[in-house]
Protein backbone atom coordinates (compact mmCIF):
# COMPACT_ATOMS: atom_id res chain seq x y z
CA MET A 1 129.40 69.13 86.98
CA SER A 2 129.85 67.70 83.52
CA GLY A 3 131.86 69.55 80.87
CA ASP A 4 128.83 70.52 78.67
CA GLU A 5 126.83 72.09 81.87
CA GLN A 6 126.11 75.73 81.54
CA THR A 7 127.06 78.04 84.39
CA PHE A 8 124.69 80.77 85.64
CA GLU A 9 126.96 83.44 84.23
CA GLN A 10 127.01 81.75 80.81
CA ALA A 11 123.41 81.34 80.50
CA GLN A 12 122.83 85.06 81.70
CA ALA A 13 125.35 86.35 78.93
CA GLU A 14 123.91 84.07 76.19
CA LEU A 15 120.39 85.61 77.29
CA GLU A 16 121.58 89.04 77.18
CA GLN A 17 122.87 88.22 73.54
CA ILE A 18 119.36 86.93 72.50
CA VAL A 19 117.71 90.05 73.98
CA GLN A 20 120.19 92.28 71.98
CA ARG A 21 119.50 90.28 68.70
CA LEU A 22 115.79 90.35 69.21
CA GLU A 23 115.86 94.25 69.96
CA GLN A 24 117.67 94.93 66.78
CA GLY A 25 114.70 93.51 64.94
CA GLN A 26 116.89 92.12 62.13
CA ALA A 27 116.18 88.41 62.84
CA SER A 28 113.84 86.51 60.38
CA LEU A 29 110.53 85.28 61.98
CA ASP A 30 111.74 81.72 62.32
CA GLU A 31 114.97 83.01 63.72
CA ALA A 32 113.19 85.20 66.12
CA LEU A 33 110.93 82.43 67.17
CA ALA A 34 114.01 80.20 67.87
CA LEU A 35 115.74 82.94 69.69
CA TRP A 36 112.67 83.33 71.94
CA GLU A 37 112.31 79.75 72.85
CA ARG A 38 115.90 79.59 73.72
CA GLY A 39 115.61 82.69 75.74
CA GLU A 40 112.66 81.24 77.67
CA GLN A 41 114.98 78.06 78.60
CA LEU A 42 117.78 80.27 79.54
CA TYR A 43 115.38 82.33 81.82
CA ALA A 44 114.01 79.10 83.42
CA PHE A 45 117.45 78.08 84.06
CA CYS A 46 118.72 81.22 85.54
CA ARG A 47 115.37 81.55 87.82
CA GLU A 48 115.93 78.10 89.08
CA ARG A 49 119.54 78.76 89.78
CA LEU A 50 118.81 82.08 91.59
CA ASP A 51 115.89 80.41 93.59
CA SER A 52 118.10 77.71 94.71
CA ALA A 53 120.89 80.03 95.64
CA GLN A 54 118.27 82.21 97.74
CA GLY A 55 117.10 78.94 99.59
CA LYS A 56 120.92 78.16 100.46
CA VAL A 57 121.59 81.60 101.76
CA GLU A 58 118.30 81.65 103.90
CA GLU A 59 119.37 78.31 105.39
CA LEU A 60 122.80 79.56 106.09
CA ALA A 61 121.28 82.64 107.80
CA ARG A 62 119.11 80.40 109.88
CA ARG A 63 122.13 78.24 110.79
CA VAL A 64 124.14 81.32 111.87
CA GLU A 65 121.20 82.73 113.93
CA GLN A 66 120.81 79.55 115.71
CA SER A 67 124.49 79.04 116.61
CA ARG A 68 124.76 82.63 118.28
CA PRO A 69 124.87 82.35 121.99
CA GLU A 70 122.05 83.42 124.14
CA PRO A 71 122.43 87.22 125.56
CA GLN A 72 123.40 87.23 129.04
CA THR A 73 121.06 89.18 131.26
């Protein structure tokens, strides 16, 4: 991971700040558009990270299930 790569938590926090700024309604039109665009980028980044994490969890769950011994009858 490079030093300038953003973590999920950092992206989420920045996205929350953007939402707050937009909800306050005090940004100029140009600033609001720039914030909206950045928010879209952050949302896509977070969605990608969550989808990736979900895939890993599902794969790990399959491995655990496959490694369980068969029940004795």
